[in-house]
Amino acid sequence: MSKNIHPIPQVKQRFQHTAPTTVHQWIEGLIRLGFVAKGSIYGTIGLLATIAIFESNQEIVGTHGLLLKIAAQPWGQLLIGILIIGLTGYVLRRLIQALFDPKHPGEFNLKRLIHRCGYFISGLTYSGVVYTASQLFMGLDVDNDDTIEDLAAELFEQPFGLWLMIIGGIATIGVGCSYLYGAYSGSHIREFNSTLNHQVKRWAIGIGKVGIAARGIGFMMIGIFLLQATFLVGSDPAGGLANALKQLQNQPFGSLWLGVIAFGFMAYALYMLLVALYSRDWI
């Protein structure tokens, strides 16, 4: 071997160049799996809601109830484990957005601060889903309670609980309105790479708008029923998505509206799958 060749520094230099790339690829893969996991949750909730329209013995569920149903299936533990991995990727994405806001480097104003707080809250919410799924994966007992309903009951007992409920309801409706506007304007639609067929891309954008609008309506219903439970004595208790869907079904033409929302959730699941496969970026 020539004296001028030093294999160890060469290997070290190559590792320094490839290691960050490898880590980057792992993170990207995990986050893209997070899109699939999130979409599959919404899609399954929509599917079960559709079945509930035609079969009275089918219960309408939210994220918490869905996890319990999955865990009770023969392959439940495996599916829960996959969801844990995927949703961890989605939480990681939200934390990266909250801490670094990589799409808007160096930009820090009130609008970006609000968005970053929203990313953090979203990450915190899905961290709770990961925690519940982890409990089920380890075989621990998990109560079939509505987290938002429990939180609302706790807030009612606090000195400023009523105002906190009002603020929470209005904020939730505001989030729903932002999703509706994002669906209408296309600002919430992600860009797809050139490998996706043009016609399929147009179809993906269309179903994405339907799905995002359905999510927006879901948030608005949660907020509206939260305010209703706050102001109207004897009204149904506040709650999360499952409670909102159940109350919607009890309204005039409720089954029709429930079907529309359920279809939107299933459309969102397809959109998230296409995002995972063909999105131009993963943040």
Protein backbone atom coordinates (compact mmCIF):
# COMPACT_ATOMS: atom_id res chain seq x y z
CA MET A 1 0.00 0.00 0.00
CA SER A 2 1.29 3.45 -0.91
CA LYS A 3 2.39 5.69 1.92
CA ASN A 4 0.18 8.48 0.57
CA ILE A 5 -3.02 6.51 1.06
CA HIS A 6 -4.58 6.72 4.51
CA PRO A 7 -7.69 4.47 4.59
CA ILE A 8 -8.87 5.40 8.07
CA PRO A 9 -9.27 9.16 7.40
CA GLN A 10 -10.89 8.32 4.06
CA VAL A 11 -13.44 6.05 5.73
CA LYS A 12 -14.03 8.62 8.46
CA GLN A 13 -14.60 11.36 5.89
CA ARG A 14 -17.00 9.15 3.93
CA PHE A 15 -18.93 8.34 7.12
CA GLN A 16 -19.23 12.02 7.98
CA HIS A 17 -20.83 12.64 4.61
CA THR A 18 -23.12 9.60 4.56
CA ALA A 19 -24.23 9.49 8.21
CA PRO A 20 -26.26 12.72 8.15
CA THR A 21 -27.85 11.61 4.86
CA THR A 22 -28.76 8.24 6.35
CA VAL A 23 -30.28 9.87 9.43
CA HIS A 24 -32.14 12.30 7.18
CA GLN A 25 -33.60 9.39 5.19
CA TRP A 26 -34.71 7.59 8.33
CA ILE A 27 -36.41 10.70 9.67
CA GLU A 28 -38.10 11.35 6.33
CA GLY A 29 -39.31 7.74 6.14
CA LEU A 30 -40.66 7.88 9.68
CA ILE A 31 -42.50 11.14 9.03
CA ARG A 32 -43.98 9.84 5.76
CA LEU A 33 -45.20 6.78 7.65
CA GLY A 34 -46.80 9.25 10.07
CA PHE A 35 -48.94 10.63 7.24
CA VAL A 36 -50.19 7.10 6.52
CA ALA A 37 -50.91 6.43 10.21
CA LYS A 38 -52.83 9.68 10.63
CA GLY A 39 -54.80 9.10 7.45
CA SER A 40 -55.65 5.52 8.38
CA ILE A 41 -57.13 6.70 11.68
CA TYR A 42 -59.39 9.22 9.97
CA GLY A 43 -60.29 6.78 7.22
CA THR A 44 -61.26 4.03 9.65
CA ILE A 45 -63.32 6.44 11.77
CA GLY A 46 -65.12 7.47 8.58
CA LEU A 47 -65.68 3.86 7.55
CA LEU A 48 -67.13 2.90 10.94
CA ALA A 49 -69.35 6.00 10.90
CA THR A 50 -70.65 4.97 7.48
CA ILE A 51 -71.46 1.49 8.76
CA ALA A 52 -73.20 3.03 11.79
CA ILE A 53 -75.62 4.83 9.44
CA PHE A 54 -76.97 1.49 8.22
CA GLU A 55 -76.34 -0.75 11.25
CA SER A 56 -77.64 0.42 14.61
CA ASN A 57 -75.34 -1.94 16.49
CA GLN A 58 -72.23 -0.25 15.09
CA GLU A 59 -70.83 2.34 17.48
CA ILE A 60 -69.48 5.65 16.25
CA VAL A 61 -65.98 6.11 17.61
CA GLY A 62 -63.25 8.71 17.77
CA THR A 63 -59.50 8.15 17.95
CA HIS A 64 -59.60 6.75 21.50
CA GLY A 65 -62.43 4.33 20.80
CA LEU A 66 -60.81 3.26 17.54
CA LEU A 67 -57.60 2.28 19.33
CA LEU A 68 -59.61 0.13 21.74
CA LYS A 69 -61.37 -1.56 18.81
CA ILE A 70 -58.10 -2.23 17.01
CA ALA A 71 -56.47 -3.66 20.15
CA ALA A 72 -59.35 -6.12 20.53
CA GLN A 73 -58.77 -7.64 17.07
CA PRO A 74 -56.68 -10.81 16.49
CA TRP A 75 -53.87 -8.80 14.86
CA GLY A 76 -54.52 -5.83 17.10
CA GLN A 77 -51.16 -5.72 18.86
CA LEU A 78 -49.29 -5.66 15.55
CA LEU A 79 -51.51 -2.92 14.14
CA ILE A 80 -51.20 -0.87 17.33
CA GLY A 81 -47.42 -1.23 17.16
CA ILE A 82 -47.36 0.06 13.56
CA LEU A 83 -49.58 2.99 14.54
CA ILE A 84 -47.25 3.84 17.43
CA ILE A 85 -44.26 4.00 15.07
CA GLY A 86 -46.14 6.01 12.46
CA LEU A 87 -47.71 8.49 14.87
CA THR A 88 -44.33 8.98 16.56
CA GLY A 89 -43.11 10.15 13.16
CA TYR A 90 -46.01 12.57 12.93
CA VAL A 91 -45.29 13.93 16.42
CA LEU A 92 -41.63 14.36 15.40
CA ARG A 93 -42.73 16.37 12.35
CA ARG A 94 -44.87 18.69 14.47
CA LEU A 95 -42.05 19.22 16.98
CA ILE A 96 -39.60 20.07 14.19
CA GLN A 97 -42.12 22.57 12.80
CA ALA A 98 -42.77 24.07 16.23
CA LEU A 99 -39.12 24.42 17.19
CA PHE A 100 -37.46 25.31 13.87
CA ASP A 101 -40.26 26.26 11.41
CA PRO A 102 -38.02 25.03 8.54
CA LYS A 103 -40.27 26.33 5.74
CA HIS A 104 -39.92 29.90 7.03
CA PRO A 105 -36.28 30.23 8.14
CA GLY A 106 -35.48 33.49 9.89
CA GLU A 107 -39.11 34.62 9.82
CA PHE A 108 -40.50 35.34 13.28
CA ASN A 109 -43.67 37.35 13.72
CA LEU A 110 -47.07 36.98 15.36
CA LYS A 111 -48.45 34.87 12.50
CA ARG A 112 -45.52 32.45 12.61
CA LEU A 113 -45.71 32.32 16.41
CA ILE A 114 -49.39 31.33 16.24
CA HIS A 115 -48.61 28.66 13.65
CA ARG A 116 -45.76 27.28 15.74
CA CYS A 117 -47.97 27.14 18.82
CA GLY A 118 -50.51 25.26 16.70
CA TYR A 119 -47.84 22.79 15.59
CA PHE A 120 -46.85 22.23 19.22
CA ILE A 121 -50.45 21.65 20.34
CA SER A 122 -50.97 19.24 17.45
CA GLY A 123 -47.82 17.35 18.42
CA LEU A 124 -48.94 17.27 22.04
CA THR A 125 -52.35 15.91 21.00
CA TYR A 126 -50.87 13.08 18.95
CA SER A 127 -48.39 12.39 21.74
CA GLY A 128 -51.45 11.58 23.86
CA VAL A 129 -52.64 9.20 21.16
CA VAL A 130 -49.21 7.53 21.10
CA TYR A 131 -49.31 7.22 24.90
CA THR A 132 -52.74 5.55 24.85
CA ALA A 133 -51.65 3.23 22.03
CA SER A 134 -48.50 2.33 23.97
CA GLN A 135 -50.58 1.39 27.00
CA LEU A 136 -52.72 -0.89 24.84
CA PHE A 137 -49.63 -2.37 23.20
CA MET A 138 -48.26 -3.30 26.63
CA GLY A 139 -51.58 -4.89 27.59
CA LEU A 140 -52.52 -2.28 30.17
CA ASP A 141 -56.15 -1.38 30.89
CA VAL A 142 -57.34 1.84 29.26
CA ASP A 143 -60.63 3.47 30.22
CA ASN A 144 -63.09 4.06 27.41
CA ASP A 145 -63.56 7.70 28.39
CA ASP A 146 -63.91 10.82 26.28
CA THR A 147 -60.87 12.92 27.17
CA ILE A 148 -62.45 16.22 26.15
CA GLU A 149 -65.62 15.41 28.10
CA ASP A 150 -63.53 14.66 31.19
CA LEU A 151 -61.54 17.85 30.70
CA ALA A 152 -64.73 19.89 30.29
CA ALA A 153 -66.14 18.44 33.51
CA GLU A 154 -62.94 19.39 35.33
CA LEU A 155 -62.98 22.92 33.92
CA PHE A 156 -66.56 23.48 35.06
CA GLU A 157 -65.37 23.06 38.65
CA GLN A 158 -62.61 25.68 38.34
CA PRO A 159 -63.09 29.39 39.20
CA PHE A 160 -62.59 30.52 35.60
CA GLY A 161 -63.74 27.25 34.07
CA LEU A 162 -66.70 28.78 32.23
CA TRP A 163 -64.50 31.31 30.45
CA LEU A 164 -61.91 28.68 29.63
CA MET A 165 -64.67 26.54 28.09
CA ILE A 166 -65.85 29.49 26.02
CA ILE A 167 -62.34 30.31 24.84
CA GLY A 168 -61.70 26.64 24.05
CA GLY A 169 -64.93 26.35 22.07
CA ILE A 170 -64.28 29.52 20.06
CA ALA A 171 -60.66 28.50 19.41
CA THR A 172 -61.75 25.05 18.20
CA ILE A 173 -64.30 26.62 15.86
CA GLY A 174 -61.54 28.95 14.64
CA VAL A 175 -59.31 25.98 13.84
CA GLY A 176 -62.17 24.40 11.92
CA CYS A 177 -62.72 27.61 9.94
CA SER A 178 -59.01 27.76 9.08
CA TYR A 179 -59.21 24.22 7.68
CA LEU A 180 -62.28 25.13 5.63
CA TYR A 181 -60.52 28.19 4.24
CA GLY A 182 -57.39 26.13 3.59
CA ALA A 183 -59.46 23.61 1.64
CA TYR A 184 -61.19 26.35 -0.35
CA SER A 185 -58.03 28.31 -1.14
CA GLY A 186 -55.79 25.27 -1.55
CA SER A 187 -53.30 26.67 0.97
CA HIS A 188 -53.48 23.46 3.02
CA ILE A 189 -52.82 21.26 -0.01
CA ARG A 190 -49.29 19.93 -0.26
CA GLU A 191 -47.22 20.05 -3.44
CA PHE A 192 -46.61 16.75 -5.21
CA ASN A 193 -43.46 15.76 -7.06
CA SER A 194 -43.21 15.29 -10.81
CA THR A 195 -43.42 11.48 -10.63
CA LEU A 196 -47.16 11.70 -9.96
CA ASN A 197 -49.30 11.63 -13.09
CA HIS A 198 -50.91 15.00 -13.89
CA GLN A 199 -54.46 13.62 -13.88
CA VAL A 200 -53.85 11.74 -10.64
CA LYS A 201 -52.40 14.92 -9.14
CA ARG A 202 -55.58 16.84 -9.97
CA TRP A 203 -57.63 14.03 -8.44
CA ALA A 204 -55.40 14.03 -5.34
CA ILE A 205 -55.86 17.78 -4.90
CA GLY A 206 -59.63 17.37 -5.20
CA ILE A 207 -59.92 14.62 -2.60
CA GLY A 208 -57.46 16.50 -0.40
CA LYS A 209 -59.74 19.53 -0.37
CA VAL A 210 -62.74 17.33 0.47
CA GLY A 211 -60.84 15.63 3.29
CA ILE A 212 -59.44 18.83 4.78
CA ALA A 213 -62.89 20.43 4.64
CA ALA A 214 -64.33 17.41 6.48
CA ARG A 215 -61.69 17.81 9.19
CA GLY A 216 -62.60 21.48 9.44
CA ILE A 217 -66.28 20.65 9.89
CA GLY A 218 -65.32 18.09 12.53
CA PHE A 219 -63.41 20.70 14.53
CA MET A 220 -66.27 23.19 14.17
CA MET A 221 -68.79 20.64 15.47
CA ILE A 222 -66.61 19.89 18.50
CA GLY A 223 -66.38 23.61 19.25
CA ILE A 224 -70.10 24.24 18.71
CA PHE A 225 -71.17 21.38 20.97
CA LEU A 226 -68.62 22.53 23.55
CA LEU A 227 -70.22 25.98 23.62
CA GLN A 228 -73.67 24.41 23.66
CA ALA A 229 -72.77 22.34 26.70
CA THR A 230 -71.39 25.49 28.33
CA PHE A 231 -74.44 27.72 27.86
CA LEU A 232 -77.43 25.37 27.68
CA VAL A 233 -78.42 23.67 30.92
CA GLY A 234 -79.40 20.06 30.37
CA SER A 235 -77.70 19.81 26.98
CA ASP A 236 -75.59 16.82 26.02
CA PRO A 237 -72.10 16.90 27.53
CA ALA A 238 -69.17 18.31 25.64
CA GLY A 239 -66.84 15.82 24.06
CA GLY A 240 -64.45 14.97 21.28
CA LEU A 241 -64.96 13.83 17.71
CA ALA A 242 -67.01 10.73 18.58
CA ASN A 243 -69.41 12.81 20.66
CA ALA A 244 -69.74 15.40 17.88
CA LEU A 245 -70.50 12.73 15.27
CA LYS A 246 -73.08 11.07 17.52
CA GLN A 247 -74.82 14.37 18.17
CA LEU A 248 -74.74 15.18 14.47
CA GLN A 249 -76.51 11.93 13.69
CA ASN A 250 -79.33 12.95 16.05
CA GLN A 251 -79.98 16.20 14.17
CA PRO A 252 -82.51 16.59 11.31
CA PHE A 253 -81.03 14.86 8.23
CA GLY A 254 -78.27 13.79 10.61
CA SER A 255 -77.50 10.53 8.82
CA LEU A 256 -77.03 12.40 5.57
CA TRP A 257 -74.63 14.88 7.14
CA LEU A 258 -72.82 12.09 8.97
CA GLY A 259 -72.38 10.30 5.66
CA VAL A 260 -70.89 13.42 4.09
CA ILE A 261 -68.38 13.83 6.93
CA ALA A 262 -67.55 10.11 6.88
CA PHE A 263 -66.90 10.26 3.14
CA GLY A 264 -64.65 13.27 3.71
CA PHE A 265 -62.64 11.39 6.33
CA MET A 266 -62.13 8.46 3.96
CA ALA A 267 -61.09 10.89 1.22
CA TYR A 268 -58.59 12.39 3.66
CA ALA A 269 -57.12 8.94 4.25
CA LEU A 270 -56.48 8.49 0.52
CA TYR A 271 -55.01 11.96 0.32
CA MET A 272 -52.63 11.25 3.21
CA LEU A 273 -51.47 8.06 1.47
CA LEU A 274 -50.66 10.04 -1.68
CA VAL A 275 -48.91 12.69 0.42
CA ALA A 276 -46.76 9.99 2.02
CA LEU A 277 -45.79 8.58 -1.38
CA TYR A 278 -45.53 11.65 -3.61
CA SER A 279 -45.28 14.81 -1.53
CA ARG A 280 -42.44 17.04 -2.74
CA ASP A 281 -41.23 17.56 0.83
CA TRP A 282 -41.84 15.80 4.10
CA ILE A 283 -42.07 18.78 6.47
